[in-house]
Amino acid sequence: MFYSIAGEGGRAGEPTIFIRLAGCNLVCPWCDTAYHPQIRFHLTADKILDRIRSEGWPGRWICLTGGEPMMQDSAALSLRLRQAGYSVQIETNGTYPIPAGAFDFVTISPKLQREVPHDRFPFLEANEQVADEFKYVISRPEDLDLVRWGRRIYLQPNYEIPEAREICVQAALQHPEWRLSLQIHKMLGLP
């Protein structure tokens, strides 16, 4: 858990408490959570709230991220956090069902690139109905062909590939309904 500024998508710039949940069903080569398969702590919702209060973090948004947070009982955790007065965002790859109304803001980042094995865990198209935004990680021009779902679409350049930024800028200029997401937390050196 940590407190920082949301750096991506439609909530970029908002103070947010991040809770990284362990485990992921996909293996993305660009993953910024290299430790995701390791479980660090087993915490109840009340222990999480105790930690947030003891740290004195004043933010009212909590982002459940991972790994893949829908591998855990994130809906129950969200309910408890919302009962405590927080708004809850989840960022998920969309390969598990997302219960309608369980979260205040749903970000789906489908990892559809050819480097990511999807045979056992395909994206569930029904999740589009509960998503507030879709965030597509773009590494090369052909990744733009993977932009298939979403009312609000963000293109996020793969931070490790400098030319990906220009690909995303040009694509957004050609598709004004798409938006650019630049991972401002990385630019600022924030967690």
N, C-alpha and C. Protein backbone atom coordinates (compact mmCIF):
# COMPACT_ATOMS: atom_id res chain seq x y z
N MET A 1 0.85 -1.17 0.00
CA MET A 1 0.00 0.00 0.00
C MET A 1 0.89 1.23 0.00
N PHE A 2 0.45 2.24 -0.74
CA PHE A 2 1.17 3.51 -0.74
C PHE A 2 0.22 4.62 -1.18
N TYR A 3 0.61 5.84 -0.88
CA TYR A 3 -0.19 7.02 -1.20
C TYR A 3 0.59 7.83 -2.22
N SER A 4 -0.07 8.18 -3.31
CA SER A 4 0.62 8.91 -4.38
C SER A 4 -0.42 9.66 -5.21
N ILE A 5 -0.01 10.06 -6.38
CA ILE A 5 -0.87 10.72 -7.35
C ILE A 5 -1.22 9.71 -8.43
N ALA A 6 -2.50 9.60 -8.78
CA ALA A 6 -2.89 8.72 -9.89
C ALA A 6 -2.20 9.24 -11.14
N GLY A 7 -1.53 8.36 -11.85
CA GLY A 7 -0.72 8.80 -12.98
C GLY A 7 -1.26 8.44 -14.34
N GLU A 8 -2.38 7.73 -14.41
CA GLU A 8 -2.84 7.21 -15.70
C GLU A 8 -4.34 7.41 -15.87
N GLY A 9 -4.77 7.47 -17.12
CA GLY A 9 -6.18 7.48 -17.45
C GLY A 9 -6.93 8.71 -16.96
N GLY A 10 -8.23 8.55 -16.82
CA GLY A 10 -9.12 9.66 -16.50
C GLY A 10 -8.97 10.22 -15.10
N ARG A 11 -8.35 9.50 -14.21
CA ARG A 11 -8.15 10.00 -12.84
C ARG A 11 -6.74 10.53 -12.62
N ALA A 12 -5.98 10.69 -13.68
CA ALA A 12 -4.60 11.19 -13.55
C ALA A 12 -4.59 12.51 -12.80
N GLY A 13 -3.65 12.60 -11.86
CA GLY A 13 -3.48 13.82 -11.08
C GLY A 13 -4.18 13.81 -9.73
N GLU A 14 -5.07 12.84 -9.50
CA GLU A 14 -5.81 12.81 -8.23
C GLU A 14 -5.03 12.06 -7.16
N PRO A 15 -4.95 12.61 -5.93
CA PRO A 15 -4.33 11.87 -4.83
C PRO A 15 -5.09 10.56 -4.60
N THR A 16 -4.34 9.47 -4.48
CA THR A 16 -4.95 8.14 -4.41
C THR A 16 -4.12 7.23 -3.50
N ILE A 17 -4.82 6.42 -2.75
CA ILE A 17 -4.19 5.36 -1.96
C ILE A 17 -4.21 4.11 -2.85
N PHE A 18 -3.05 3.56 -3.11
CA PHE A 18 -2.94 2.39 -3.97
C PHE A 18 -2.77 1.13 -3.12
N ILE A 19 -3.52 0.12 -3.46
CA ILE A 19 -3.38 -1.19 -2.82
C ILE A 19 -3.09 -2.18 -3.93
N ARG A 20 -1.87 -2.69 -3.94
CA ARG A 20 -1.47 -3.69 -4.95
C ARG A 20 -1.78 -5.07 -4.40
N LEU A 21 -2.62 -5.79 -5.13
CA LEU A 21 -2.97 -7.14 -4.73
C LEU A 21 -2.09 -8.12 -5.51
N ALA A 22 -1.68 -9.18 -4.84
CA ALA A 22 -0.71 -10.12 -5.41
C ALA A 22 -1.36 -11.09 -6.38
N GLY A 23 -0.57 -11.57 -7.31
CA GLY A 23 -0.98 -12.60 -8.24
C GLY A 23 -1.52 -12.03 -9.53
N CYS A 24 -1.23 -12.72 -10.61
CA CYS A 24 -1.77 -12.34 -11.92
C CYS A 24 -1.86 -13.58 -12.78
N ASN A 25 -2.88 -13.63 -13.61
CA ASN A 25 -3.07 -14.77 -14.50
C ASN A 25 -2.37 -14.57 -15.84
N LEU A 26 -1.86 -13.37 -16.10
CA LEU A 26 -1.13 -13.09 -17.34
C LEU A 26 0.32 -12.79 -17.03
N VAL A 27 1.17 -12.89 -18.03
CA VAL A 27 2.58 -12.57 -17.86
C VAL A 27 2.94 -11.56 -18.94
N CYS A 28 2.87 -10.28 -18.59
CA CYS A 28 3.16 -9.21 -19.54
C CYS A 28 4.62 -8.81 -19.41
N PRO A 29 5.37 -8.78 -20.50
CA PRO A 29 6.80 -8.48 -20.41
C PRO A 29 7.09 -7.08 -19.90
N TRP A 30 6.16 -6.14 -20.00
CA TRP A 30 6.39 -4.77 -19.57
C TRP A 30 5.85 -4.50 -18.16
N CYS A 31 5.38 -5.52 -17.48
CA CYS A 31 4.73 -5.35 -16.18
C CYS A 31 5.62 -4.55 -15.23
N ASP A 32 5.04 -3.53 -14.60
CA ASP A 32 5.80 -2.71 -13.65
C ASP A 32 5.67 -3.23 -12.23
N THR A 33 5.11 -4.41 -12.08
CA THR A 33 4.98 -5.05 -10.78
C THR A 33 5.64 -6.41 -10.84
N ALA A 34 6.95 -6.39 -10.96
CA ALA A 34 7.70 -7.64 -11.16
C ALA A 34 7.51 -8.63 -10.02
N TYR A 35 7.13 -8.15 -8.85
CA TYR A 35 6.98 -9.04 -7.70
C TYR A 35 5.56 -9.60 -7.57
N HIS A 36 4.68 -9.35 -8.55
CA HIS A 36 3.27 -9.70 -8.38
C HIS A 36 2.99 -11.16 -8.03
N PRO A 37 3.79 -12.16 -8.40
CA PRO A 37 3.41 -13.52 -8.00
C PRO A 37 3.62 -13.79 -6.51
N GLN A 38 4.40 -12.96 -5.84
CA GLN A 38 4.71 -13.21 -4.44
C GLN A 38 3.67 -12.56 -3.53
N ILE A 39 3.14 -13.32 -2.63
CA ILE A 39 2.22 -12.75 -1.65
C ILE A 39 3.04 -12.20 -0.51
N ARG A 40 2.88 -10.92 -0.26
CA ARG A 40 3.65 -10.27 0.79
C ARG A 40 2.94 -10.31 2.14
N PHE A 41 1.64 -9.98 2.14
CA PHE A 41 0.87 -9.88 3.37
C PHE A 41 -0.52 -10.43 3.14
N HIS A 42 -1.09 -11.01 4.16
CA HIS A 42 -2.50 -11.41 4.15
C HIS A 42 -3.20 -10.43 5.08
N LEU A 43 -4.02 -9.52 4.51
CA LEU A 43 -4.67 -8.50 5.32
C LEU A 43 -6.18 -8.54 5.13
N THR A 44 -6.89 -8.36 6.21
CA THR A 44 -8.35 -8.21 6.13
C THR A 44 -8.65 -6.76 5.73
N ALA A 45 -9.88 -6.52 5.36
CA ALA A 45 -10.29 -5.15 5.03
C ALA A 45 -10.09 -4.22 6.22
N ASP A 46 -10.39 -4.71 7.41
CA ASP A 46 -10.22 -3.86 8.60
C ASP A 46 -8.75 -3.56 8.86
N LYS A 47 -7.86 -4.52 8.60
CA LYS A 47 -6.42 -4.26 8.76
C LYS A 47 -5.94 -3.23 7.73
N ILE A 48 -6.50 -3.30 6.53
CA ILE A 48 -6.15 -2.32 5.50
C ILE A 48 -6.60 -0.93 5.95
N LEU A 49 -7.82 -0.83 6.45
CA LEU A 49 -8.31 0.46 6.93
C LEU A 49 -7.48 0.97 8.11
N ASP A 50 -7.10 0.08 9.02
CA ASP A 50 -6.23 0.47 10.14
C ASP A 50 -4.91 1.05 9.62
N ARG A 51 -4.34 0.42 8.62
CA ARG A 51 -3.06 0.91 8.05
C ARG A 51 -3.24 2.28 7.42
N ILE A 52 -4.31 2.46 6.65
CA ILE A 52 -4.57 3.75 6.00
C ILE A 52 -4.70 4.84 7.07
N ARG A 53 -5.46 4.56 8.11
CA ARG A 53 -5.66 5.55 9.18
C ARG A 53 -4.36 5.81 9.94
N SER A 54 -3.58 4.77 10.21
CA SER A 54 -2.33 4.97 10.96
C SER A 54 -1.31 5.76 10.14
N GLU A 55 -1.34 5.62 8.83
CA GLU A 55 -0.45 6.40 7.97
C GLU A 55 -0.91 7.85 7.85
N GLY A 56 -2.18 8.09 8.13
CA GLY A 56 -2.71 9.45 8.04
C GLY A 56 -2.90 9.94 6.61
N TRP A 57 -3.08 9.02 5.68
CA TRP A 57 -3.27 9.40 4.28
C TRP A 57 -4.63 10.07 4.12
N PRO A 58 -4.67 11.32 3.68
CA PRO A 58 -5.94 12.03 3.60
C PRO A 58 -6.75 11.77 2.32
N GLY A 59 -6.18 11.09 1.33
CA GLY A 59 -6.90 10.84 0.08
C GLY A 59 -8.18 10.07 0.31
N ARG A 60 -9.19 10.32 -0.53
CA ARG A 60 -10.47 9.64 -0.40
C ARG A 60 -10.69 8.62 -1.50
N TRP A 61 -9.76 8.53 -2.45
CA TRP A 61 -9.83 7.50 -3.50
C TRP A 61 -8.87 6.38 -3.17
N ILE A 62 -9.30 5.16 -3.39
CA ILE A 62 -8.44 3.98 -3.26
C ILE A 62 -8.47 3.25 -4.59
N CYS A 63 -7.30 2.89 -5.08
CA CYS A 63 -7.19 2.12 -6.32
C CYS A 63 -6.71 0.71 -5.99
N LEU A 64 -7.53 -0.28 -6.33
CA LEU A 64 -7.13 -1.68 -6.21
C LEU A 64 -6.50 -2.08 -7.53
N THR A 65 -5.26 -2.48 -7.48
CA THR A 65 -4.52 -2.82 -8.68
C THR A 65 -3.74 -4.09 -8.41
N GLY A 66 -2.86 -4.45 -9.26
CA GLY A 66 -2.15 -5.72 -9.06
C GLY A 66 -0.79 -5.71 -9.66
N GLY A 67 -0.47 -6.86 -10.13
CA GLY A 67 -1.14 -8.10 -10.43
C GLY A 67 -2.53 -7.91 -11.03
N GLU A 68 -3.38 -8.88 -10.75
CA GLU A 68 -4.76 -8.86 -11.22
C GLU A 68 -5.69 -8.90 -10.00
N PRO A 69 -6.27 -7.75 -9.64
CA PRO A 69 -7.06 -7.69 -8.42
C PRO A 69 -8.34 -8.52 -8.43
N MET A 70 -8.88 -8.86 -9.60
CA MET A 70 -10.10 -9.66 -9.62
C MET A 70 -9.82 -11.13 -9.30
N MET A 71 -8.56 -11.50 -9.11
CA MET A 71 -8.25 -12.85 -8.64
C MET A 71 -8.53 -12.96 -7.14
N GLN A 72 -8.68 -11.83 -6.47
CA GLN A 72 -8.99 -11.78 -5.04
C GLN A 72 -10.48 -11.45 -4.88
N ASP A 73 -10.94 -11.37 -3.66
CA ASP A 73 -12.33 -10.98 -3.42
C ASP A 73 -12.41 -9.46 -3.35
N SER A 74 -12.11 -8.82 -4.48
CA SER A 74 -12.03 -7.36 -4.54
C SER A 74 -13.38 -6.69 -4.36
N ALA A 75 -14.46 -7.33 -4.78
CA ALA A 75 -15.78 -6.73 -4.61
C ALA A 75 -16.13 -6.58 -3.13
N ALA A 76 -15.82 -7.60 -2.32
CA ALA A 76 -16.09 -7.52 -0.88
C ALA A 76 -15.19 -6.47 -0.23
N LEU A 77 -13.94 -6.41 -0.64
CA LEU A 77 -13.02 -5.40 -0.12
C LEU A 77 -13.53 -4.01 -0.47
N SER A 78 -13.96 -3.83 -1.71
CA SER A 78 -14.49 -2.54 -2.14
C SER A 78 -15.70 -2.13 -1.30
N LEU A 79 -16.58 -3.06 -1.05
CA LEU A 79 -17.77 -2.76 -0.23
C LEU A 79 -17.37 -2.23 1.13
N ARG A 80 -16.42 -2.89 1.76
CA ARG A 80 -15.97 -2.46 3.11
C ARG A 80 -15.30 -1.09 3.05
N LEU A 81 -14.47 -0.85 2.05
CA LEU A 81 -13.79 0.44 1.91
C LEU A 81 -14.80 1.55 1.62
N ARG A 82 -15.81 1.25 0.82
CA ARG A 82 -16.84 2.25 0.52
C ARG A 82 -17.68 2.54 1.76
N GLN A 83 -17.95 1.52 2.56
CA GLN A 83 -18.68 1.74 3.82
C GLN A 83 -17.90 2.66 4.76
N ALA A 84 -16.58 2.64 4.63
CA ALA A 84 -15.73 3.49 5.46
C ALA A 84 -15.56 4.89 4.87
N GLY A 85 -16.24 5.17 3.74
CA GLY A 85 -16.23 6.53 3.20
C GLY A 85 -15.29 6.78 2.04
N TYR A 86 -14.69 5.72 1.51
CA TYR A 86 -13.76 5.88 0.39
C TYR A 86 -14.47 5.59 -0.93
N SER A 87 -13.94 6.16 -2.00
CA SER A 87 -14.34 5.80 -3.36
C SER A 87 -13.30 4.82 -3.86
N VAL A 88 -13.75 3.79 -4.58
CA VAL A 88 -12.84 2.71 -4.96
C VAL A 88 -12.80 2.54 -6.47
N GLN A 89 -11.58 2.59 -6.99
CA GLN A 89 -11.29 2.29 -8.39
C GLN A 89 -10.64 0.92 -8.44
N ILE A 90 -10.92 0.17 -9.50
CA ILE A 90 -10.19 -1.06 -9.74
C ILE A 90 -9.57 -0.97 -11.11
N GLU A 91 -8.34 -1.45 -11.21
CA GLU A 91 -7.70 -1.58 -12.51
C GLU A 91 -7.47 -3.06 -12.74
N THR A 92 -8.08 -3.58 -13.81
CA THR A 92 -8.10 -5.00 -14.07
C THR A 92 -7.81 -5.28 -15.55
N ASN A 93 -7.37 -6.49 -15.84
CA ASN A 93 -7.14 -6.85 -17.25
C ASN A 93 -8.41 -7.34 -17.93
N GLY A 94 -9.48 -7.52 -17.18
CA GLY A 94 -10.77 -7.87 -17.77
C GLY A 94 -10.96 -9.33 -18.09
N THR A 95 -10.14 -10.20 -17.52
CA THR A 95 -10.26 -11.63 -17.80
C THR A 95 -11.11 -12.37 -16.76
N TYR A 96 -11.57 -11.66 -15.73
CA TYR A 96 -12.47 -12.20 -14.72
C TYR A 96 -13.74 -11.35 -14.72
N PRO A 97 -14.90 -11.91 -14.40
CA PRO A 97 -16.13 -11.12 -14.35
C PRO A 97 -16.02 -10.00 -13.31
N ILE A 98 -16.53 -8.83 -13.68
CA ILE A 98 -16.53 -7.67 -12.78
C ILE A 98 -17.99 -7.40 -12.40
N PRO A 99 -18.33 -7.55 -11.13
CA PRO A 99 -19.72 -7.33 -10.73
C PRO A 99 -20.14 -5.87 -10.93
N ALA A 100 -21.28 -5.65 -11.54
CA ALA A 100 -21.79 -4.30 -11.74
C ALA A 100 -22.04 -3.64 -10.39
N GLY A 101 -21.63 -2.39 -10.27
CA GLY A 101 -21.87 -1.61 -9.06
C GLY A 101 -20.92 -1.88 -7.91
N ALA A 102 -19.97 -2.78 -8.08
CA ALA A 102 -19.05 -3.12 -6.98
C ALA A 102 -17.97 -2.08 -6.77
N PHE A 103 -17.71 -1.23 -7.77
CA PHE A 103 -16.64 -0.25 -7.71
C PHE A 103 -17.15 1.10 -8.20
N ASP A 104 -16.53 2.17 -7.74
CA ASP A 104 -16.92 3.51 -8.16
C ASP A 104 -16.35 3.87 -9.53
N PHE A 105 -15.23 3.25 -9.89
CA PHE A 105 -14.58 3.55 -11.16
C PHE A 105 -13.84 2.29 -11.61
N VAL A 106 -14.11 1.84 -12.85
CA VAL A 106 -13.51 0.62 -13.36
C VAL A 106 -12.63 0.95 -14.56
N THR A 107 -11.35 0.62 -14.43
CA THR A 107 -10.39 0.75 -15.53
C THR A 107 -10.05 -0.65 -16.00
N ILE A 108 -10.27 -0.88 -17.28
CA ILE A 108 -9.88 -2.17 -17.86
C ILE A 108 -8.70 -1.91 -18.79
N SER A 109 -7.65 -2.66 -18.56
CA SER A 109 -6.46 -2.59 -19.41
C SER A 109 -6.23 -3.97 -20.00
N PRO A 110 -6.92 -4.26 -21.12
CA PRO A 110 -6.77 -5.60 -21.71
C PRO A 110 -5.38 -5.77 -22.30
N LYS A 111 -4.74 -6.82 -21.95
CA LYS A 111 -3.38 -7.08 -22.44
C LYS A 111 -3.49 -8.06 -23.60
N LEU A 112 -3.71 -7.53 -24.78
CA LEU A 112 -4.01 -8.38 -25.93
C LEU A 112 -2.81 -8.61 -26.85
N GLN A 113 -1.67 -8.02 -26.55
CA GLN A 113 -0.50 -8.13 -27.42
C GLN A 113 -0.07 -9.58 -27.59
N ARG A 114 0.61 -9.84 -28.70
CA ARG A 114 1.00 -11.21 -29.02
C ARG A 114 1.97 -11.81 -28.00
N GLU A 115 2.69 -10.98 -27.23
CA GLU A 115 3.63 -11.51 -26.22
C GLU A 115 2.93 -12.02 -24.98
N VAL A 116 1.64 -11.74 -24.86
CA VAL A 116 0.91 -12.11 -23.65
C VAL A 116 0.03 -13.33 -23.95
N PRO A 117 0.27 -14.45 -23.27
CA PRO A 117 -0.51 -15.66 -23.54
C PRO A 117 -1.95 -15.53 -23.03
N HIS A 118 -2.91 -15.67 -23.94
CA HIS A 118 -4.31 -15.52 -23.58
C HIS A 118 -5.11 -16.80 -23.79
N ASP A 119 -4.45 -17.91 -24.08
CA ASP A 119 -5.21 -19.12 -24.39
C ASP A 119 -6.14 -19.51 -23.23
N ARG A 120 -5.65 -19.45 -22.01
CA ARG A 120 -6.46 -19.88 -20.87
C ARG A 120 -7.29 -18.75 -20.27
N PHE A 121 -6.91 -17.50 -20.53
CA PHE A 121 -7.59 -16.36 -19.90
C PHE A 121 -7.94 -15.29 -20.92
N PRO A 122 -8.99 -15.51 -21.70
CA PRO A 122 -9.38 -14.50 -22.69
C PRO A 122 -10.07 -13.31 -22.02
N PHE A 123 -10.03 -12.18 -22.69
CA PHE A 123 -10.76 -11.00 -22.23
C PHE A 123 -12.26 -11.31 -22.29
N LEU A 124 -13.00 -10.94 -21.26
CA LEU A 124 -14.45 -11.16 -21.21
C LEU A 124 -15.16 -9.90 -21.72
N GLU A 125 -15.71 -10.00 -22.92
CA GLU A 125 -16.32 -8.83 -23.55
C GLU A 125 -17.49 -8.26 -22.74
N ALA A 126 -18.15 -9.07 -21.93
CA ALA A 126 -19.26 -8.57 -21.09
C ALA A 126 -18.78 -7.51 -20.11
N ASN A 127 -17.49 -7.51 -19.77
CA ASN A 127 -16.96 -6.51 -18.84
C ASN A 127 -17.02 -5.10 -19.39
N GLU A 128 -17.16 -4.97 -20.70
CA GLU A 128 -17.23 -3.63 -21.29
C GLU A 128 -18.39 -2.83 -20.68
N GLN A 129 -19.46 -3.51 -20.30
CA GLN A 129 -20.64 -2.83 -19.77
C GLN A 129 -20.38 -2.13 -18.44
N VAL A 130 -19.42 -2.61 -17.65
CA VAL A 130 -19.16 -1.99 -16.34
C VAL A 130 -17.94 -1.06 -16.35
N ALA A 131 -17.24 -1.00 -17.46
CA ALA A 131 -16.00 -0.21 -17.53
C ALA A 131 -16.28 1.27 -17.69
N ASP A 132 -15.56 2.08 -16.92
CA ASP A 132 -15.60 3.53 -17.11
C ASP A 132 -14.59 3.95 -18.17
N GLU A 133 -13.51 3.19 -18.27
CA GLU A 133 -12.48 3.51 -19.26
C GLU A 133 -11.71 2.25 -19.62
N PHE A 134 -11.13 2.28 -20.81
CA PHE A 134 -10.22 1.24 -21.26
C PHE A 134 -8.87 1.89 -21.50
N LYS A 135 -7.83 1.23 -21.03
CA LYS A 135 -6.47 1.73 -21.21
C LYS A 135 -5.69 0.66 -21.97
N TYR A 136 -5.21 1.04 -23.14
CA TYR A 136 -4.47 0.11 -23.99
C TYR A 136 -2.99 0.47 -23.96
N VAL A 137 -2.15 -0.48 -23.59
CA VAL A 137 -0.70 -0.28 -23.63
C VAL A 137 -0.26 -0.50 -25.08
N ILE A 138 0.43 0.49 -25.63
CA ILE A 138 0.85 0.45 -27.03
C ILE A 138 2.38 0.44 -27.11
N SER A 139 2.91 -0.56 -27.82
CA SER A 139 4.36 -0.67 -28.02
C SER A 139 4.74 -0.40 -29.47
N ARG A 140 3.88 -0.78 -30.40
CA ARG A 140 4.19 -0.67 -31.84
C ARG A 140 2.89 -0.38 -32.59
N PRO A 141 2.97 0.06 -33.85
CA PRO A 141 1.76 0.45 -34.58
C PRO A 141 0.69 -0.64 -34.63
N GLU A 142 1.08 -1.90 -34.79
CA GLU A 142 0.06 -2.96 -34.89
C GLU A 142 -0.74 -3.15 -33.60
N ASP A 143 -0.24 -2.65 -32.48
CA ASP A 143 -1.01 -2.72 -31.23
C ASP A 143 -2.28 -1.89 -31.31
N LEU A 144 -2.30 -0.88 -32.18
CA LEU A 144 -3.50 -0.06 -32.33
C LEU A 144 -4.68 -0.88 -32.87
N ASP A 145 -4.37 -1.97 -33.58
CA ASP A 145 -5.43 -2.85 -34.08
C ASP A 145 -6.15 -3.57 -32.94
N LEU A 146 -5.57 -3.54 -31.74
CA LEU A 146 -6.15 -4.22 -30.59
C LEU A 146 -7.17 -3.36 -29.86
N VAL A 147 -7.28 -2.10 -30.24
CA VAL A 147 -8.24 -1.19 -29.61
C VAL A 147 -9.62 -1.56 -30.13
N ARG A 148 -10.38 -2.28 -29.30
CA ARG A 148 -11.66 -2.83 -29.75
C ARG A 148 -12.84 -2.40 -28.91
N TRP A 149 -12.61 -2.15 -27.63
CA TRP A 149 -13.72 -1.91 -26.72
C TRP A 149 -13.53 -0.60 -25.99
N GLY A 150 -14.65 -0.05 -25.53
CA GLY A 150 -14.60 1.08 -24.63
C GLY A 150 -15.25 2.34 -25.14
N ARG A 151 -16.00 2.99 -24.25
CA ARG A 151 -16.58 4.29 -24.57
C ARG A 151 -15.52 5.37 -24.39
N ARG A 152 -14.70 5.25 -23.35
CA ARG A 152 -13.61 6.18 -23.12
C ARG A 152 -12.31 5.37 -23.23
N ILE A 153 -11.53 5.70 -24.26
CA ILE A 153 -10.34 4.93 -24.58
C ILE A 153 -9.10 5.78 -24.36
N TYR A 154 -8.14 5.20 -23.62
CA TYR A 154 -6.83 5.82 -23.42
C TYR A 154 -5.76 4.96 -24.06
N LEU A 155 -4.88 5.61 -24.80
CA LEU A 155 -3.70 4.94 -25.34
C LEU A 155 -2.55 5.27 -24.41
N GLN A 156 -1.88 4.25 -23.93
CA GLN A 156 -0.75 4.46 -23.03
C GLN A 156 0.50 3.89 -23.65
N PRO A 157 1.45 4.76 -24.01
CA PRO A 157 2.69 4.26 -24.60
C PRO A 157 3.45 3.38 -23.61
N ASN A 158 3.99 2.28 -24.11
CA ASN A 158 4.88 1.45 -23.30
C ASN A 158 6.05 2.33 -22.90
N TYR A 159 6.20 2.56 -21.62
CA TYR A 159 7.20 3.50 -21.10
C TYR A 159 8.63 3.11 -21.49
N GLU A 160 8.85 1.84 -21.74
CA GLU A 160 10.19 1.35 -22.07
C GLU A 160 10.56 1.54 -23.54
N ILE A 161 9.58 1.94 -24.37
CA ILE A 161 9.82 2.07 -25.81
C ILE A 161 9.55 3.52 -26.22
N PRO A 162 10.60 4.34 -26.36
CA PRO A 162 10.41 5.77 -26.66
C PRO A 162 9.55 6.05 -27.88
N GLU A 163 9.67 5.25 -28.95
CA GLU A 163 8.89 5.52 -30.16
C GLU A 163 7.39 5.25 -29.96
N ALA A 164 7.04 4.55 -28.90
CA ALA A 164 5.62 4.28 -28.62
C ALA A 164 4.86 5.57 -28.33
N ARG A 165 5.55 6.57 -27.77
CA ARG A 165 4.88 7.84 -27.48
C ARG A 165 4.37 8.49 -28.76
N GLU A 166 5.22 8.53 -29.78
CA GLU A 166 4.83 9.16 -31.05
C GLU A 166 3.71 8.36 -31.73
N ILE A 167 3.77 7.04 -31.62
CA ILE A 167 2.71 6.21 -32.18
C ILE A 167 1.37 6.59 -31.56
N CYS A 168 1.36 6.74 -30.24
CA CYS A 168 0.12 7.08 -29.53
C CYS A 168 -0.35 8.49 -29.86
N VAL A 169 0.56 9.44 -29.92
CA VAL A 169 0.18 10.82 -30.26
C VAL A 169 -0.47 10.86 -31.63
N GLN A 170 0.17 10.25 -32.62
CA GLN A 170 -0.38 10.26 -33.98
C GLN A 170 -1.73 9.54 -34.05
N ALA A 171 -1.86 8.44 -33.31
CA ALA A 171 -3.13 7.71 -33.31
C ALA A 171 -4.25 8.55 -32.70
N ALA A 172 -3.94 9.26 -31.61
CA ALA A 172 -4.95 10.11 -30.98
C ALA A 172 -5.35 11.26 -31.91
N LEU A 173 -4.38 11.79 -32.63
CA LEU A 173 -4.70 12.86 -33.58
C LEU A 173 -5.61 12.36 -34.70
N GLN A 174 -5.44 11.10 -35.10
CA GLN A 174 -6.26 10.51 -36.15
C GLN A 174 -7.63 10.03 -35.64
N HIS A 175 -7.69 9.75 -34.34
CA HIS A 175 -8.93 9.27 -33.71
C HIS A 175 -9.25 10.18 -32.53
N PRO A 176 -9.88 11.34 -32.76
CA PRO A 176 -10.10 12.30 -31.67
C PRO A 176 -10.95 11.76 -30.52
N GLU A 177 -11.60 10.62 -30.71
CA GLU A 177 -12.36 10.02 -29.61
C GLU A 177 -11.44 9.28 -28.63
N TRP A 178 -10.20 9.05 -29.02
CA TRP A 178 -9.22 8.41 -28.14
C TRP A 178 -8.45 9.48 -27.38
N ARG A 179 -7.90 9.11 -26.23
CA ARG A 179 -7.13 10.03 -25.39
C ARG A 179 -5.76 9.45 -25.12
N LEU A 180 -4.85 10.32 -24.72
CA LEU A 180 -3.48 9.92 -24.43
C LEU A 180 -3.29 9.82 -22.92
N SER A 181 -2.63 8.77 -22.46
CA SER A 181 -2.30 8.58 -21.04
C SER A 181 -0.79 8.40 -20.95
N LEU A 182 -0.11 9.27 -20.20
CA LEU A 182 1.35 9.29 -20.24
C LEU A 182 2.07 8.83 -18.98
N GLN A 183 1.43 8.22 -18.04
CA GLN A 183 2.06 7.74 -16.80
C GLN A 183 2.83 8.86 -16.11
N ILE A 184 2.10 9.91 -15.72
CA ILE A 184 2.75 11.08 -15.12
C ILE A 184 3.47 10.74 -13.82
N HIS A 185 3.06 9.70 -13.13
CA HIS A 185 3.77 9.32 -11.89
C HIS A 185 5.20 8.90 -12.19
N LYS A 186 5.42 8.24 -13.35
CA LYS A 186 6.78 7.85 -13.71
C LYS A 186 7.60 9.07 -14.11
N MET A 187 6.97 10.00 -14.82
CA MET A 187 7.69 11.22 -15.21
C MET A 187 8.13 12.02 -14.00
N LEU A 188 7.32 11.96 -12.94
CA LEU A 188 7.61 12.72 -11.71
C LEU A 188 8.44 11.92 -10.71
N GLY A 189 8.73 10.65 -11.02
CA GLY A 189 9.50 9.82 -10.11
C GLY A 189 8.72 9.41 -8.87
N LEU A 190 7.41 9.31 -9.00
CA LEU A 190 6.55 8.89 -7.88
C LEU A 190 6.26 7.40 -7.96
N PRO A 191 5.90 6.79 -6.82
CA PRO A 191 5.54 5.37 -6.89
C PRO A 191 4.25 5.16 -7.64
